[in-house]
């Protein structure tokens, strides 16, 4: 679902709590309408990085990794 994909991307970077809450509400409505199963667990990761550091890409898995540290650079 394109709307769901867009919401997931926006939720990760939205800092305004009421806006984020509204996005989560809509995301859950889409879940109810379209998913054939009930998710029992959802894990969200927060990554905080200094503005001067570039080339860092979160893995999207449970734990961050430094396997590609050679791609990190000062901006």
PDB file of N, CA and C in Angstrom:
ATOM      1  N   UNK A   1       0.843  -1.171   0.000  1.00  0.00           N
ATOM      2  CA  UNK A   1       0.000   0.000   0.000  1.00  0.00           C
ATOM      3  C   UNK A   1       0.895   1.244   0.000  1.00  0.00           C
ATOM      4  N   UNK A   2       0.750   2.065  -0.985  1.00  0.00           N
ATOM      5  CA  UNK A   2       1.597   3.258  -1.132  1.00  0.00           C
ATOM      6  C   UNK A   2       1.383   4.255   0.008  1.00  0.00           C
ATOM      7  N   UNK A   3       0.133   4.401   0.451  1.00  0.00           N
ATOM      8  CA  UNK A   3      -0.130   5.331   1.556  1.00  0.00           C
ATOM      9  C   UNK A   3       0.561   4.860   2.836  1.00  0.00           C
ATOM     10  N   UNK A   4       0.503   3.564   3.083  1.00  0.00           N
ATOM     11  CA  UNK A   4       1.146   3.008   4.268  1.00  0.00           C
ATOM     12  C   UNK A   4       2.664   3.183   4.203  1.00  0.00           C
ATOM     13  N   UNK A   5       3.257   2.919   3.057  1.00  0.00           N
ATOM     14  CA  UNK A   5       4.703   3.102   2.878  1.00  0.00           C
ATOM     15  C   UNK A   5       5.105   4.548   3.143  1.00  0.00           C
ATOM     16  N   UNK A   6       4.331   5.484   2.621  1.00  0.00           N
ATOM     17  CA  UNK A   6       4.631   6.906   2.814  1.00  0.00           C
ATOM     18  C   UNK A   6       4.512   7.294   4.290  1.00  0.00           C
ATOM     19  N   UNK A   7       3.489   6.779   4.967  1.00  0.00           N
ATOM     20  CA  UNK A   7       3.319   7.079   6.393  1.00  0.00           C
ATOM     21  C   UNK A   7       4.482   6.543   7.221  1.00  0.00           C
ATOM     22  N   UNK A   8       4.927   5.344   6.922  1.00  0.00           N
ATOM     23  CA  UNK A   8       6.049   4.755   7.656  1.00  0.00           C
ATOM     24  C   UNK A   8       7.292   5.620   7.501  1.00  0.00           C
ATOM     25  N   UNK A   9       7.540   6.106   6.308  1.00  0.00           N
ATOM     26  CA  UNK A   9       8.698   6.978   6.073  1.00  0.00           C
ATOM     27  C   UNK A   9       8.558   8.303   6.823  1.00  0.00           C
ATOM     28  N   UNK A  10       7.367   8.887   6.806  1.00  0.00           N
ATOM     29  CA  UNK A  10       7.145  10.186   7.452  1.00  0.00           C
ATOM     30  C   UNK A  10       7.190  10.091   8.977  1.00  0.00           C
ATOM     31  N   UNK A  11       6.651   9.012   9.537  1.00  0.00           N
ATOM     32  CA  UNK A  11       6.624   8.838  10.990  1.00  0.00           C
ATOM     33  C   UNK A  11       8.035   8.830  11.559  1.00  0.00           C
ATOM     34  N   UNK A  12       8.960   8.227  10.831  1.00  0.00           N
ATOM     35  CA  UNK A  12      10.338   8.106  11.314  1.00  0.00           C
ATOM     36  C   UNK A  12      11.030   9.454  11.490  1.00  0.00           C
ATOM     37  N   UNK A  13      10.602  10.472  10.768  1.00  0.00           N
ATOM     38  CA  UNK A  13      11.299  11.764  10.831  1.00  0.00           C
ATOM     39  C   UNK A  13      10.450  12.894  11.421  1.00  0.00           C
ATOM     40  N   UNK A  14       9.178  12.630  11.689  1.00  0.00           N
ATOM     41  CA  UNK A  14       8.295  13.668  12.242  1.00  0.00           C
ATOM     42  C   UNK A  14       8.557  13.838  13.736  1.00  0.00           C
ATOM     43  N   UNK A  15       8.856  15.059  14.159  1.00  0.00           N
ATOM     44  CA  UNK A  15       9.147  15.332  15.560  1.00  0.00           C
ATOM     45  C   UNK A  15       7.953  15.901  16.318  1.00  0.00           C
ATOM     46  N   UNK A  16       6.953  16.406  15.603  1.00  0.00           N
ATOM     47  CA  UNK A  16       5.771  16.982  16.242  1.00  0.00           C
ATOM     48  C   UNK A  16       4.865  15.845  16.741  1.00  0.00           C
ATOM     49  N   UNK A  17       4.710  15.756  18.063  1.00  0.00           N
ATOM     50  CA  UNK A  17       3.985  14.639  18.664  1.00  0.00           C
ATOM     51  C   UNK A  17       2.535  14.512  18.178  1.00  0.00           C
ATOM     52  N   UNK A  18       1.733  15.591  18.123  1.00  0.00           N
ATOM     53  CA  UNK A  18       0.355  15.448  17.620  1.00  0.00           C
ATOM     54  C   UNK A  18       0.294  14.981  16.159  1.00  0.00           C
ATOM     55  N   UNK A  19       1.201  15.471  15.329  1.00  0.00           N
ATOM     56  CA  UNK A  19       1.225  15.028  13.925  1.00  0.00           C
ATOM     57  C   UNK A  19       1.588  13.547  13.838  1.00  0.00           C
ATOM     58  N   UNK A  20       2.590  13.139  14.633  1.00  0.00           N
ATOM     59  CA  UNK A  20       3.017  11.741  14.628  1.00  0.00           C
ATOM     60  C   UNK A  20       1.893  10.835  15.130  1.00  0.00           C
ATOM     61  N   UNK A  21       1.160  11.304  16.145  1.00  0.00           N
ATOM     62  CA  UNK A  21       0.040  10.527  16.682  1.00  0.00           C
ATOM     63  C   UNK A  21      -1.034  10.323  15.614  1.00  0.00           C
ATOM     64  N   UNK A  22      -1.332  11.371  14.856  1.00  0.00           N
ATOM     65  CA  UNK A  22      -2.329  11.267  13.777  1.00  0.00           C
ATOM     66  C   UNK A  22      -1.857  10.298  12.694  1.00  0.00           C
ATOM     67  N   UNK A  23      -0.560  10.327  12.392  1.00  0.00           N
ATOM     68  CA  UNK A  23      -0.014   9.405  11.388  1.00  0.00           C
ATOM     69  C   UNK A  23      -0.128   7.958  11.860  1.00  0.00           C
ATOM     70  N   UNK A  24       0.192   7.716  13.145  1.00  0.00           N
ATOM     71  CA  UNK A  24       0.070   6.362  13.693  1.00  0.00           C
ATOM     72  C   UNK A  24      -1.382   5.899  13.657  1.00  0.00           C
ATOM     73  N   UNK A  25      -2.312   6.803  13.946  1.00  0.00           N
ATOM     74  CA  UNK A  25      -3.738   6.451  13.911  1.00  0.00           C
ATOM     75  C   UNK A  25      -4.139   6.000  12.512  1.00  0.00           C
ATOM     76  N   UNK A  26      -3.728   6.764  11.505  1.00  0.00           N
ATOM     77  CA  UNK A  26      -4.060   6.400  10.123  1.00  0.00           C
ATOM     78  C   UNK A  26      -3.385   5.089   9.729  1.00  0.00           C
ATOM     79  N   UNK A  27      -2.142   4.901  10.148  1.00  0.00           N
ATOM     80  CA  UNK A  27      -1.419   3.667   9.840  1.00  0.00           C
ATOM     81  C   UNK A  27      -2.152   2.460  10.424  1.00  0.00           C
ATOM     82  N   UNK A  28      -2.639   2.592  11.643  1.00  0.00           N
ATOM     83  CA  UNK A  28      -3.379   1.502  12.276  1.00  0.00           C
ATOM     84  C   UNK A  28      -4.717   1.246  11.585  1.00  0.00           C
ATOM     85  N   UNK A  29      -5.348   2.299  11.081  1.00  0.00           N
ATOM     86  CA  UNK A  29      -6.591   2.122  10.322  1.00  0.00           C
ATOM     87  C   UNK A  29      -6.330   1.309   9.056  1.00  0.00           C
ATOM     88  N   UNK A  30      -5.219   1.603   8.396  1.00  0.00           N
ATOM     89  CA  UNK A  30      -4.863   0.848   7.188  1.00  0.00           C
ATOM     90  C   UNK A  30      -4.604  -0.612   7.546  1.00  0.00           C
ATOM     91  N   UNK A  31      -3.891  -0.853   8.661  1.00  0.00           N
ATOM     92  CA  UNK A  31      -3.656  -2.229   9.127  1.00  0.00           C
ATOM     93  C   UNK A  31      -4.970  -2.987   9.265  1.00  0.00           C
ATOM     94  N   UNK A  32      -5.930  -2.353   9.949  1.00  0.00           N
ATOM     95  CA  UNK A  32      -7.215  -3.002  10.195  1.00  0.00           C
ATOM     96  C   UNK A  32      -7.926  -3.315   8.885  1.00  0.00           C
ATOM     97  N   UNK A  33      -7.844  -2.396   7.931  1.00  0.00           N
ATOM     98  CA  UNK A  33      -8.547  -2.562   6.660  1.00  0.00           C
ATOM     99  C   UNK A  33      -7.895  -3.596   5.749  1.00  0.00           C
ATOM    100  N   UNK A  34      -6.570  -3.697   5.763  1.00  0.00           N
ATOM    101  CA  UNK A  34      -5.891  -4.463   4.722  1.00  0.00           C
ATOM    102  C   UNK A  34      -5.118  -5.698   5.167  1.00  0.00           C
ATOM    103  N   UNK A  35      -4.687  -5.765   6.407  1.00  0.00           N
ATOM    104  CA  UNK A  35      -3.855  -6.896   6.808  1.00  0.00           C
ATOM    105  C   UNK A  35      -4.697  -8.111   7.167  1.00  0.00           C
ATOM    106  N   UNK A  36      -4.313  -9.286   6.672  1.00  0.00           N
ATOM    107  CA  UNK A  36      -5.060 -10.503   6.990  1.00  0.00           C
ATOM    108  C   UNK A  36      -4.671 -11.099   8.345  1.00  0.00           C
ATOM    109  N   UNK A  37      -3.678 -10.503   9.032  1.00  0.00           N
ATOM    110  CA  UNK A  37      -3.230 -11.010  10.330  1.00  0.00           C
ATOM    111  C   UNK A  37      -3.125  -9.852  11.317  1.00  0.00           C
ATOM    112  N   UNK A  38      -3.009 -10.191  12.570  1.00  0.00           N
ATOM    113  CA  UNK A  38      -2.834  -9.171  13.602  1.00  0.00           C
ATOM    114  C   UNK A  38      -1.377  -9.182  14.046  1.00  0.00           C
ATOM    115  N   UNK A  39      -0.650  -8.076  13.876  1.00  0.00           N
ATOM    116  CA  UNK A  39       0.731  -8.042  14.359  1.00  0.00           C
ATOM    117  C   UNK A  39       0.741  -8.013  15.893  1.00  0.00           C
ATOM    118  N   UNK A  40       1.507  -8.903  16.493  1.00  0.00           N
ATOM    119  CA  UNK A  40       1.548  -8.976  17.945  1.00  0.00           C
ATOM    120  C   UNK A  40       2.664  -8.134  18.541  1.00  0.00           C
ATOM    121  N   UNK A  41       3.623  -7.745  17.716  1.00  0.00           N
ATOM    122  CA  UNK A  41       4.771  -7.007  18.229  1.00  0.00           C
ATOM    123  C   UNK A  41       5.298  -6.102  17.138  1.00  0.00           C
ATOM    124  N   UNK A  42       5.622  -4.865  17.495  1.00  0.00           N
ATOM    125  CA  UNK A  42       6.223  -3.926  16.549  1.00  0.00           C
ATOM    126  C   UNK A  42       7.356  -3.226  17.264  1.00  0.00           C
ATOM    127  N   UNK A  43       8.526  -3.262  16.689  1.00  0.00           N
ATOM    128  CA  UNK A  43       9.684  -2.619  17.303  1.00  0.00           C
ATOM    129  C   UNK A  43      10.079  -1.417  16.465  1.00  0.00           C
ATOM    130  N   UNK A  44      10.244  -0.284  17.118  1.00  0.00           N
ATOM    131  CA  UNK A  44      10.688   0.929  16.434  1.00  0.00           C
ATOM    132  C   UNK A  44      12.078   1.296  16.938  1.00  0.00           C
ATOM    133  N   UNK A  45      12.931   1.693  16.043  1.00  0.00           N
ATOM    134  CA  UNK A  45      14.291   2.083  16.390  1.00  0.00           C
ATOM    135  C   UNK A  45      14.460   3.582  16.205  1.00  0.00           C
ATOM    136  N   UNK A  46      15.122   4.214  17.131  1.00  0.00           N
ATOM    137  CA  UNK A  46      15.453   5.633  17.002  1.00  0.00           C
ATOM    138  C   UNK A  46      16.966   5.753  16.824  1.00  0.00           C
ATOM    139  N   UNK A  47      17.384   6.504  15.833  1.00  0.00           N
ATOM    140  CA  UNK A  47      18.803   6.723  15.585  1.00  0.00           C
ATOM    141  C   UNK A  47      19.082   8.210  15.705  1.00  0.00           C
ATOM    142  N   UNK A  48      20.029   8.560  16.542  1.00  0.00           N
ATOM    143  CA  UNK A  48      20.427   9.955  16.701  1.00  0.00           C
ATOM    144  C   UNK A  48      21.882  10.053  16.284  1.00  0.00           C
ATOM    145  N   UNK A  49      22.138  10.893  15.289  1.00  0.00           N
ATOM    146  CA  UNK A  49      23.492  11.048  14.771  1.00  0.00           C
ATOM    147  C   UNK A  49      23.831  12.522  14.660  1.00  0.00           C
ATOM    148  N   UNK A  50      25.091  12.871  14.855  1.00  0.00           N
ATOM    149  CA  UNK A  50      25.473  14.276  14.716  1.00  0.00           C
ATOM    150  C   UNK A  50      25.305  14.752  13.275  1.00  0.00           C
ATOM    151  N   UNK A  51      24.965  16.025  13.114  1.00  0.00           N
ATOM    152  CA  UNK A  51      24.743  16.584  11.777  1.00  0.00           C
ATOM    153  C   UNK A  51      25.998  16.543  10.915  1.00  0.00           C
ATOM    154  N   UNK A  52      27.164  16.532  11.552  1.00  0.00           N
ATOM    155  CA  UNK A  52      28.416  16.565  10.793  1.00  0.00           C
ATOM    156  C   UNK A  52      28.813  15.193  10.251  1.00  0.00           C
ATOM    157  N   UNK A  53      28.115  14.118  10.656  1.00  0.00           N
ATOM    158  CA  UNK A  53      28.475  12.766  10.235  1.00  0.00           C
ATOM    159  C   UNK A  53      27.614  12.331   9.057  1.00  0.00           C
ATOM    160  N   UNK A  54      28.235  11.912   7.974  1.00  0.00           N
ATOM    161  CA  UNK A  54      27.503  11.463   6.795  1.00  0.00           C
ATOM    162  C   UNK A  54      27.848  10.030   6.451  1.00  0.00           C
ATOM    163  N   UNK A  55      27.048   9.414   5.598  1.00  0.00           N
ATOM    164  CA  UNK A  55      27.305   8.067   5.122  1.00  0.00           C
ATOM    165  C   UNK A  55      26.802   6.962   6.030  1.00  0.00           C
ATOM    166  N   UNK A  56      26.163   7.310   7.143  1.00  0.00           N
ATOM    167  CA  UNK A  56      25.647   6.306   8.072  1.00  0.00           C
ATOM    168  C   UNK A  56      24.239   5.932   7.627  1.00  0.00           C
ATOM    169  N   UNK A  57      23.996   4.641   7.449  1.00  0.00           N
ATOM    170  CA  UNK A  57      22.679   4.172   7.029  1.00  0.00           C
ATOM    171  C   UNK A  57      22.186   3.127   8.025  1.00  0.00           C
ATOM    172  N   UNK A  58      21.084   3.392   8.751  1.00  0.00           N
ATOM    173  CA  UNK A  58      20.535   2.376   9.652  1.00  0.00           C
ATOM    174  C   UNK A  58      20.168   1.118   8.867  1.00  0.00           C
ATOM    175  N   UNK A  59      20.306  -0.042   9.496  1.00  0.00           N
ATOM    176  CA  UNK A  59      20.068  -1.307   8.806  1.00  0.00           C
ATOM    177  C   UNK A  59      18.593  -1.635   8.654  1.00  0.00           C
ATOM    178  N   UNK A  60      17.747  -1.107   9.541  1.00  0.00           N
ATOM    179  CA  UNK A  60      16.337  -1.479   9.519  1.00  0.00           C
ATOM    180  C   UNK A  60      16.070  -2.749  10.304  1.00  0.00           C
ATOM    181  N   UNK A  61      17.125  -3.351  10.848  1.00  0.00           N
ATOM    182  CA  UNK A  61      16.982  -4.550  11.669  1.00  0.00           C
ATOM    183  C   UNK A  61      16.999  -4.145  13.135  1.00  0.00           C
ATOM    184  N   UNK A  62      17.045  -5.096  14.008  1.00  0.00           N
ATOM    185  CA  UNK A  62      16.935  -4.798  15.435  1.00  0.00           C
ATOM    186  C   UNK A  62      18.105  -4.008  15.987  1.00  0.00           C
ATOM    187  N   UNK A  63      19.280  -4.205  15.463  1.00  0.00           N
ATOM    188  CA  UNK A  63      20.450  -3.563  16.050  1.00  0.00           C
ATOM    189  C   UNK A  63      21.228  -2.788  14.996  1.00  0.00           C
ATOM    190  N   UNK A  64      21.750  -1.614  15.354  1.00  0.00           N
ATOM    191  CA  UNK A  64      22.582  -0.873  14.397  1.00  0.00           C
ATOM    192  C   UNK A  64      23.904  -1.607  14.174  1.00  0.00           C
ATOM    193  N   UNK A  65      24.562  -1.306  13.085  1.00  0.00           N
ATOM    194  CA  UNK A  65      25.821  -1.974  12.777  1.00  0.00           C
ATOM    195  C   UNK A  65      26.853  -0.968  12.314  1.00  0.00           C
ATOM    196  N   UNK A  66      28.097  -1.287  12.504  1.00  0.00           N
ATOM    197  CA  UNK A  66      29.190  -0.446  12.008  1.00  0.00           C
ATOM    198  C   UNK A  66      29.980  -1.187  10.934  1.00  0.00           C
ATOM    199  N   UNK A  67      29.356  -2.153  10.272  1.00  0.00           N
ATOM    200  CA  UNK A  67      30.055  -2.935   9.252  1.00  0.00           C
ATOM    201  C   UNK A  67      30.543  -2.078   8.093  1.00  0.00           C
ATOM    202  N   UNK A  68      29.849  -0.982   7.822  1.00  0.00           N
ATOM    203  CA  UNK A  68      30.218  -0.131   6.694  1.00  0.00           C
ATOM    204  C   UNK A  68      30.807   1.186   7.179  1.00  0.00           C
ATOM    205  N   UNK A  69      31.584   1.121   8.255  1.00  0.00           N
ATOM    206  CA  UNK A  69      32.162   2.321   8.854  1.00  0.00           C
ATOM    207  C   UNK A  69      33.075   3.048   7.872  1.00  0.00           C
ATOM    208  N   UNK A  70      33.624   2.340   6.892  1.00  0.00           N
ATOM    209  CA  UNK A  70      34.494   3.002   5.908  1.00  0.00           C
ATOM    210  C   UNK A  70      33.729   4.001   5.042  1.00  0.00           C
ATOM    211  N   UNK A  71      32.393   3.919   5.030  1.00  0.00           N
ATOM    212  CA  UNK A  71      31.579   4.867   4.267  1.00  0.00           C
ATOM    213  C   UNK A  71      31.216   6.111   5.080  1.00  0.00           C
ATOM    214  N   UNK A  72      31.486   6.100   6.366  1.00  0.00           N
ATOM    215  CA  UNK A  72      31.189   7.259   7.205  1.00  0.00           C
ATOM    216  C   UNK A  72      32.171   8.374   6.882  1.00  0.00           C
ATOM    217  N   UNK A  73      31.707   9.616   6.961  1.00  0.00           N
ATOM    218  CA  UNK A  73      32.587  10.750   6.675  1.00  0.00           C
ATOM    219  C   UNK A  73      32.090  12.003   7.375  1.00  0.00           C
ATOM    220  N   UNK A  74      33.004  12.914   7.630  1.00  0.00           N
ATOM    221  CA  UNK A  74      32.633  14.219   8.178  1.00  0.00           C
ATOM    222  C   UNK A  74      32.140  15.081   7.027  1.00  0.00           C
ATOM    223  N   UNK A  75      31.013  15.753   7.234  1.00  0.00           N
ATOM    224  CA  UNK A  75      30.446  16.599   6.178  1.00  0.00           C
ATOM    225  C   UNK A  75      31.188  17.911   6.089  1.00  0.00           C
TER     226      UNK A  75
END
